[in-house]
Amino acid sequence: MNNPATIPAVQPTSPALRTRRAPAVVRILLGLPFAIFGLNSFLNFIPQPETPLP
């Protein structure tokens, strides 16, 4: 009934694949705040606080 050849094996993520994708993930995560706050200077979608901070 359960033929091992028909059940696909789940292969763990190889270390080489992780190290290949890691720089891209870090670059995106570090670039998002720069993109968001840079666009905020033009579009003003993050409101300024009503009262000044002490």
PDB file of N, CA and C in Angstrom:
ATOM      1  N   MET A   1       0.811  -1.190   0.000  1.00  0.00           N
ATOM      2  CA  MET A   1       0.000   0.000   0.000  1.00  0.00           C
ATOM      3  C   MET A   1       0.859   1.261   0.000  1.00  0.00           C
ATOM      4  N   ASN A   2       1.659   1.472   1.022  1.00  0.00           N
ATOM      5  CA  ASN A   2       2.520   2.645   1.085  1.00  0.00           C
ATOM      6  C   ASN A   2       3.878   2.307   0.487  1.00  0.00           C
ATOM      7  N   ASN A   3       4.002   2.555  -0.768  1.00  0.00           N
ATOM      8  CA  ASN A   3       5.251   2.298  -1.456  1.00  0.00           C
ATOM      9  C   ASN A   3       6.192   3.479  -1.189  1.00  0.00           C
ATOM     10  N   PRO A   4       7.381   3.239  -0.620  1.00  0.00           N
ATOM     11  CA  PRO A   4       8.295   4.356  -0.318  1.00  0.00           C
ATOM     12  C   PRO A   4       8.712   5.142  -1.549  1.00  0.00           C
ATOM     13  N   ALA A   5       8.615   4.546  -2.713  1.00  0.00           N
ATOM     14  CA  ALA A   5       9.016   5.256  -3.926  1.00  0.00           C
ATOM     15  C   ALA A   5       7.996   6.324  -4.323  1.00  0.00           C
ATOM     16  N   THR A   6       6.756   6.207  -3.868  1.00  0.00           N
ATOM     17  CA  THR A   6       5.740   7.181  -4.259  1.00  0.00           C
ATOM     18  C   THR A   6       5.598   8.317  -3.264  1.00  0.00           C
ATOM     19  N   ILE A   7       6.140   8.185  -2.058  1.00  0.00           N
ATOM     20  CA  ILE A   7       6.044   9.234  -1.050  1.00  0.00           C
ATOM     21  C   ILE A   7       7.266  10.141  -1.194  1.00  0.00           C
ATOM     22  N   PRO A   8       7.058  11.417  -1.502  1.00  0.00           N
ATOM     23  CA  PRO A   8       8.213  12.302  -1.669  1.00  0.00           C
ATOM     24  C   PRO A   8       8.882  12.566  -0.324  1.00  0.00           C
ATOM     25  N   ALA A   9      10.183  12.504  -0.312  1.00  0.00           N
ATOM     26  CA  ALA A   9      10.944  12.746   0.908  1.00  0.00           C
ATOM     27  C   ALA A   9      11.140  14.241   1.092  1.00  0.00           C
ATOM     28  N   VAL A  10      10.991  14.698   2.316  1.00  0.00           N
ATOM     29  CA  VAL A  10      11.241  16.098   2.640  1.00  0.00           C
ATOM     30  C   VAL A  10      12.723  16.241   2.934  1.00  0.00           C
ATOM     31  N   GLN A  11      13.388  17.000   2.116  1.00  0.00           N
ATOM     32  CA  GLN A  11      14.820  17.170   2.303  1.00  0.00           C
ATOM     33  C   GLN A  11      15.078  18.416   3.133  1.00  0.00           C
ATOM     34  N   PRO A  12      15.921  18.311   4.137  1.00  0.00           N
ATOM     35  CA  PRO A  12      16.234  19.492   4.944  1.00  0.00           C
ATOM     36  C   PRO A  12      17.017  20.508   4.125  1.00  0.00           C
ATOM     37  N   THR A  13      16.938  21.753   4.553  1.00  0.00           N
ATOM     38  CA  THR A  13      17.656  22.816   3.862  1.00  0.00           C
ATOM     39  C   THR A  13      19.150  22.612   4.046  1.00  0.00           C
ATOM     40  N   SER A  14      19.857  22.604   2.966  1.00  0.00           N
ATOM     41  CA  SER A  14      21.298  22.395   3.048  1.00  0.00           C
ATOM     42  C   SER A  14      21.986  23.670   3.508  1.00  0.00           C
ATOM     43  N   PRO A  15      23.126  23.549   4.175  1.00  0.00           N
ATOM     44  CA  PRO A  15      23.862  24.745   4.615  1.00  0.00           C
ATOM     45  C   PRO A  15      24.289  25.632   3.450  1.00  0.00           C
ATOM     46  N   ALA A  16      24.591  25.039   2.303  1.00  0.00           N
ATOM     47  CA  ALA A  16      24.989  25.843   1.151  1.00  0.00           C
ATOM     48  C   ALA A  16      23.840  26.710   0.660  1.00  0.00           C
ATOM     49  N   LEU A  17      22.622  26.172   0.703  1.00  0.00           N
ATOM     50  CA  LEU A  17      21.464  26.945   0.278  1.00  0.00           C
ATOM     51  C   LEU A  17      21.197  28.085   1.251  1.00  0.00           C
ATOM     52  N   ARG A  18      21.352  27.826   2.541  1.00  0.00           N
ATOM     53  CA  ARG A  18      21.160  28.881   3.542  1.00  0.00           C
ATOM     54  C   ARG A  18      22.171  29.996   3.372  1.00  0.00           C
ATOM     55  N   THR A  19      23.425  29.655   3.157  1.00  0.00           N
ATOM     56  CA  THR A  19      24.449  30.688   3.020  1.00  0.00           C
ATOM     57  C   THR A  19      24.313  31.442   1.708  1.00  0.00           C
ATOM     58  N   ARG A  20      23.707  30.824   0.712  1.00  0.00           N
ATOM     59  CA  ARG A  20      23.491  31.525  -0.550  1.00  0.00           C
ATOM     60  C   ARG A  20      22.343  32.525  -0.440  1.00  0.00           C
ATOM     61  N   ARG A  21      21.324  32.186   0.345  1.00  0.00           N
ATOM     62  CA  ARG A  21      20.159  33.073   0.476  1.00  0.00           C
ATOM     63  C   ARG A  21      20.312  34.108   1.585  1.00  0.00           C
ATOM     64  N   ALA A  22      21.171  33.871   2.544  1.00  0.00           N
ATOM     65  CA  ALA A  22      21.295  34.754   3.704  1.00  0.00           C
ATOM     66  C   ALA A  22      21.634  36.196   3.330  1.00  0.00           C
ATOM     67  N   PRO A  23      22.597  36.471   2.455  1.00  0.00           N
ATOM     68  CA  PRO A  23      22.891  37.872   2.124  1.00  0.00           C
ATOM     69  C   PRO A  23      21.709  38.602   1.493  1.00  0.00           C
ATOM     70  N   ALA A  24      20.941  37.913   0.676  1.00  0.00           N
ATOM     71  CA  ALA A  24      19.785  38.554   0.049  1.00  0.00           C
ATOM     72  C   ALA A  24      18.719  38.889   1.088  1.00  0.00           C
ATOM     73  N   VAL A  25      18.485  37.980   2.019  1.00  0.00           N
ATOM     74  CA  VAL A  25      17.485  38.228   3.064  1.00  0.00           C
ATOM     75  C   VAL A  25      17.923  39.386   3.956  1.00  0.00           C
ATOM     76  N   VAL A  26      19.181  39.394   4.350  1.00  0.00           N
ATOM     77  CA  VAL A  26      19.692  40.473   5.211  1.00  0.00           C
ATOM     78  C   VAL A  26      19.659  41.802   4.472  1.00  0.00           C
ATOM     79  N   ARG A  27      19.996  41.801   3.205  1.00  0.00           N
ATOM     80  CA  ARG A  27      19.988  43.036   2.413  1.00  0.00           C
ATOM     81  C   ARG A  27      18.581  43.604   2.320  1.00  0.00           C
ATOM     82  N   ILE A  28      17.592  42.737   2.139  1.00  0.00           N
ATOM     83  CA  ILE A  28      16.204  43.203   2.056  1.00  0.00           C
ATOM     84  C   ILE A  28      15.742  43.735   3.407  1.00  0.00           C
ATOM     85  N   LEU A  29      16.040  43.000   4.492  1.00  0.00           N
ATOM     86  CA  LEU A  29      15.594  43.429   5.816  1.00  0.00           C
ATOM     87  C   LEU A  29      16.255  44.731   6.248  1.00  0.00           C
ATOM     88  N   LEU A  30      17.494  44.951   5.880  1.00  0.00           N
ATOM     89  CA  LEU A  30      18.155  46.208   6.225  1.00  0.00           C
ATOM     90  C   LEU A  30      17.736  47.346   5.291  1.00  0.00           C
ATOM     91  N   GLY A  31      17.332  47.038   4.095  1.00  0.00           N
ATOM     92  CA  GLY A  31      16.937  48.070   3.153  1.00  0.00           C
ATOM     93  C   GLY A  31      15.521  48.565   3.340  1.00  0.00           C
ATOM     94  N   LEU A  32      14.649  47.749   3.929  1.00  0.00           N
ATOM     95  CA  LEU A  32      13.256  48.163   4.119  1.00  0.00           C
ATOM     96  C   LEU A  32      13.106  49.434   4.960  1.00  0.00           C
ATOM     97  N   PRO A  33      13.774  49.558   6.118  1.00  0.00           N
ATOM     98  CA  PRO A  33      13.620  50.810   6.864  1.00  0.00           C
ATOM     99  C   PRO A  33      14.115  52.035   6.091  1.00  0.00           C
ATOM    100  N   PHE A  34      15.209  51.891   5.345  1.00  0.00           N
ATOM    101  CA  PHE A  34      15.695  53.012   4.554  1.00  0.00           C
ATOM    102  C   PHE A  34      14.686  53.401   3.484  1.00  0.00           C
ATOM    103  N   ALA A  35      14.070  52.427   2.848  1.00  0.00           N
ATOM    104  CA  ALA A  35      13.076  52.718   1.816  1.00  0.00           C
ATOM    105  C   ALA A  35      11.828  53.352   2.417  1.00  0.00           C
ATOM    106  N   ILE A  36      11.357  52.819   3.538  1.00  0.00           N
ATOM    107  CA  ILE A  36      10.135  53.345   4.158  1.00  0.00           C
ATOM    108  C   ILE A  36      10.342  54.762   4.666  1.00  0.00           C
ATOM    109  N   PHE A  37      11.424  54.995   5.418  1.00  0.00           N
ATOM    110  CA  PHE A  37      11.638  56.337   5.968  1.00  0.00           C
ATOM    111  C   PHE A  37      12.070  57.323   4.889  1.00  0.00           C
ATOM    112  N   GLY A  38      12.707  56.838   3.834  1.00  0.00           N
ATOM    113  CA  GLY A  38      13.024  57.718   2.717  1.00  0.00           C
ATOM    114  C   GLY A  38      11.781  58.166   1.975  1.00  0.00           C
ATOM    115  N   LEU A  39      10.852  57.235   1.740  1.00  0.00           N
ATOM    116  CA  LEU A  39       9.595  57.608   1.099  1.00  0.00           C
ATOM    117  C   LEU A  39       8.745  58.493   2.004  1.00  0.00           C
ATOM    118  N   ASN A  40       8.886  58.341   3.318  1.00  0.00           N
ATOM    119  CA  ASN A  40       8.108  59.150   4.243  1.00  0.00           C
ATOM    120  C   ASN A  40       8.474  60.626   4.118  1.00  0.00           C
ATOM    121  N   SER A  41       9.717  60.926   3.761  1.00  0.00           N
ATOM    122  CA  SER A  41      10.097  62.333   3.618  1.00  0.00           C
ATOM    123  C   SER A  41       9.381  62.984   2.433  1.00  0.00           C
ATOM    124  N   PHE A  42       8.982  62.188   1.432  1.00  0.00           N
ATOM    125  CA  PHE A  42       8.263  62.728   0.281  1.00  0.00           C
ATOM    126  C   PHE A  42       6.750  62.615   0.436  1.00  0.00           C
ATOM    127  N   LEU A  43       6.282  61.492   0.980  1.00  0.00           N
ATOM    128  CA  LEU A  43       4.845  61.225   0.997  1.00  0.00           C
ATOM    129  C   LEU A  43       4.180  61.544   2.334  1.00  0.00           C
ATOM    130  N   ASN A  44       4.947  61.650   3.411  1.00  0.00           N
ATOM    131  CA  ASN A  44       4.446  61.989   4.751  1.00  0.00           C
ATOM    132  C   ASN A  44       3.310  61.062   5.195  1.00  0.00           C
ATOM    133  N   PHE A  45       3.522  59.759   5.135  1.00  0.00           N
ATOM    134  CA  PHE A  45       2.495  58.816   5.578  1.00  0.00           C
ATOM    135  C   PHE A  45       2.675  58.400   7.028  1.00  0.00           C
ATOM    136  N   ILE A  46       3.791  58.767   7.683  1.00  0.00           N
ATOM    137  CA  ILE A  46       3.960  58.565   9.121  1.00  0.00           C
ATOM    138  C   ILE A  46       3.770  59.935   9.765  1.00  0.00           C
ATOM    139  N   PRO A  47       2.678  60.130  10.519  1.00  0.00           N
ATOM    140  CA  PRO A  47       2.380  61.472  11.035  1.00  0.00           C
ATOM    141  C   PRO A  47       3.367  61.895  12.132  1.00  0.00           C
ATOM    142  N   GLN A  48       3.577  63.183  12.221  1.00  0.00           N
ATOM    143  CA  GLN A  48       4.391  63.746  13.284  1.00  0.00           C
ATOM    144  C   GLN A  48       3.584  63.741  14.582  1.00  0.00           C
ATOM    145  N   PRO A  49       4.244  63.614  15.747  1.00  0.00           N
ATOM    146  CA  PRO A  49       3.492  63.653  17.002  1.00  0.00           C
ATOM    147  C   PRO A  49       2.901  65.041  17.245  1.00  0.00           C
ATOM    148  N   GLU A  50       1.715  65.051  17.874  1.00  0.00           N
ATOM    149  CA  GLU A  50       1.015  66.318  18.122  1.00  0.00           C
ATOM    150  C   GLU A  50       1.772  67.195  19.121  1.00  0.00           C
ATOM    151  N   THR A  51       2.221  66.580  20.217  1.00  0.00           N
ATOM    152  CA  THR A  51       2.963  67.335  21.225  1.00  0.00           C
ATOM    153  C   THR A  51       4.438  67.019  21.091  1.00  0.00           C
ATOM    154  N   PRO A  52       5.313  68.006  21.287  1.00  0.00           N
ATOM    155  CA  PRO A  52       6.744  67.718  21.188  1.00  0.00           C
ATOM    156  C   PRO A  52       7.197  66.795  22.325  1.00  0.00           C
ATOM    157  N   LEU A  53       8.162  65.988  22.038  1.00  0.00           N
ATOM    158  CA  LEU A  53       8.691  65.081  23.052  1.00  0.00           C
ATOM    159  C   LEU A  53       9.513  65.866  24.073  1.00  0.00           C
ATOM    160  N   PRO A  54       9.482  65.451  25.352  1.00  0.00           N
ATOM    161  CA  PRO A  54      10.223  66.203  26.386  1.00  0.00           C
ATOM    162  C   PRO A  54      11.723  66.064  26.239  1.00  0.00           C
TER     163      PRO A  54
END
